[in-house]
Amino acid sequence: MYIKATIVKMQKEFQADIFGFGEDYYRSNLKQFSGLEEDWDTVFSDAEVEIESTFFIRRSGIRNKSFLTDEEKQLHKNKSIEEKGIFSFNIEHFM
């Protein structure tokens, strides 16, 4: 999963919250965040991040000949292309 790998890289190699988790946490938990603000990069680098996504593909935009075989096309027709979830960020164990 590329998203998780990118977040982990930012946490471990750069200790940088380029995603704005701190800003979101600040807006939703001002009192709790004020105690973490000065050490946020350290808190972020040690935080557990869970990722779930929601997407739905309406039209793929492919109008040329498909690179899929007929067997693969049939397999894709039988599978659902909708995945549901939510993005969460857990820092409770730092408080």
Protein backbone atom coordinates (compact mmCIF):
# COMPACT_ATOMS: atom_id res chain seq x y z
CA MET A 1 0.00 0.00 0.00
CA TYR A 2 1.69 3.16 -1.23
CA ILE A 3 -0.19 5.55 1.05
CA LYS A 4 0.86 3.69 4.21
CA ALA A 5 4.46 3.43 2.98
CA THR A 6 4.57 7.16 2.30
CA ILE A 7 3.21 8.01 5.75
CA VAL A 8 5.65 5.65 7.46
CA LYS A 9 8.54 7.14 5.47
CA MET A 10 7.56 10.65 6.55
CA GLN A 11 7.25 9.45 10.16
CA LYS A 12 10.48 7.47 10.41
CA GLU A 13 12.90 9.16 8.02
CA PHE A 14 11.82 12.78 8.14
CA GLN A 15 9.62 13.11 11.27
CA ALA A 16 7.49 15.51 9.24
CA ASP A 17 3.71 15.77 9.21
CA ILE A 18 3.24 16.85 5.61
CA PHE A 19 -0.32 15.49 5.61
CA GLY A 20 -1.79 17.92 8.13
CA PHE A 21 -2.72 15.38 10.81
CA GLY A 22 -1.58 17.86 13.45
CA GLU A 23 -3.81 20.59 12.05
CA ASP A 24 -6.79 18.26 12.05
CA TYR A 25 -6.02 17.09 15.58
CA TYR A 26 -5.63 20.72 16.68
CA ARG A 27 -9.07 21.61 15.30
CA SER A 28 -10.79 18.63 16.87
CA ASN A 29 -8.93 18.47 20.24
CA LEU A 30 -7.52 21.93 21.03
CA LYS A 31 -6.87 21.35 24.75
CA GLN A 32 -5.14 18.00 24.22
CA PHE A 33 -3.13 19.26 21.27
CA SER A 34 -1.80 22.30 23.15
CA GLY A 35 0.21 19.94 25.39
CA LEU A 36 1.67 18.15 22.36
CA GLU A 37 2.24 21.08 20.03
CA GLU A 38 5.93 21.65 20.75
CA ASP A 39 6.72 17.93 20.41
CA TRP A 40 4.28 17.23 17.58
CA ASP A 41 6.92 15.94 15.14
CA THR A 42 8.06 13.38 17.70
CA VAL A 43 4.49 12.41 18.59
CA PHE A 44 3.63 12.09 14.90
CA SER A 45 6.71 9.98 14.18
CA ASP A 46 5.67 7.45 16.86
CA ALA A 47 1.92 7.48 16.18
CA GLU A 48 0.03 4.50 14.78
CA VAL A 49 -1.76 5.37 11.55
CA GLU A 50 -4.57 3.27 10.10
CA ILE A 51 -5.77 3.79 6.56
CA GLU A 52 -9.02 2.74 4.98
CA SER A 53 -10.38 4.24 1.79
CA THR A 54 -13.67 4.67 0.04
CA PHE A 55 -13.89 4.92 -3.70
CA PHE A 56 -16.24 4.16 -6.53
CA ILE A 57 -15.24 4.03 -10.19
CA ARG A 58 -18.10 5.16 -12.41
CA ARG A 59 -16.36 5.22 -15.74
CA SER A 60 -12.82 4.19 -16.39
CA GLY A 61 -12.46 6.37 -19.45
CA ILE A 62 -10.95 3.54 -21.49
CA ARG A 63 -12.13 3.79 -25.06
CA ASN A 64 -9.42 1.89 -26.85
CA LYS A 65 -8.94 -1.83 -27.12
CA SER A 66 -8.49 -3.29 -23.65
CA PHE A 67 -5.23 -4.90 -22.63
CA LEU A 68 -7.19 -7.46 -20.61
CA THR A 69 -7.91 -10.90 -21.97
CA ASP A 70 -11.54 -12.01 -22.36
CA GLU A 71 -11.13 -14.19 -19.27
CA GLU A 72 -9.88 -11.24 -17.21
CA LYS A 73 -12.73 -9.06 -18.46
CA GLN A 74 -15.26 -11.64 -17.28
CA LEU A 75 -13.54 -11.89 -13.91
CA HIS A 76 -13.70 -8.09 -13.48
CA LYS A 77 -17.38 -8.02 -14.40
CA ASN A 78 -18.09 -10.46 -11.57
CA LYS A 79 -16.20 -8.47 -8.93
CA SER A 80 -17.43 -5.37 -7.16
CA ILE A 81 -15.31 -2.25 -7.66
CA GLU A 82 -16.58 -0.46 -4.60
CA GLU A 83 -14.59 -0.45 -1.38
CA LYS A 84 -15.70 1.32 1.78
CA GLY A 85 -13.79 2.57 4.78
CA ILE A 86 -12.54 5.50 6.80
CA PHE A 87 -9.22 7.17 7.49
CA SER A 88 -8.19 7.30 11.12
CA PHE A 89 -5.21 8.56 13.08
CA ASN A 90 -4.64 7.28 16.62
CA ILE A 91 -2.44 9.15 19.09
CA GLU A 92 -4.34 8.29 22.27
CA HIS A 93 -1.50 6.18 23.63
CA PHE A 94 0.67 9.33 23.86
CA MET A 95 -1.59 11.06 26.38
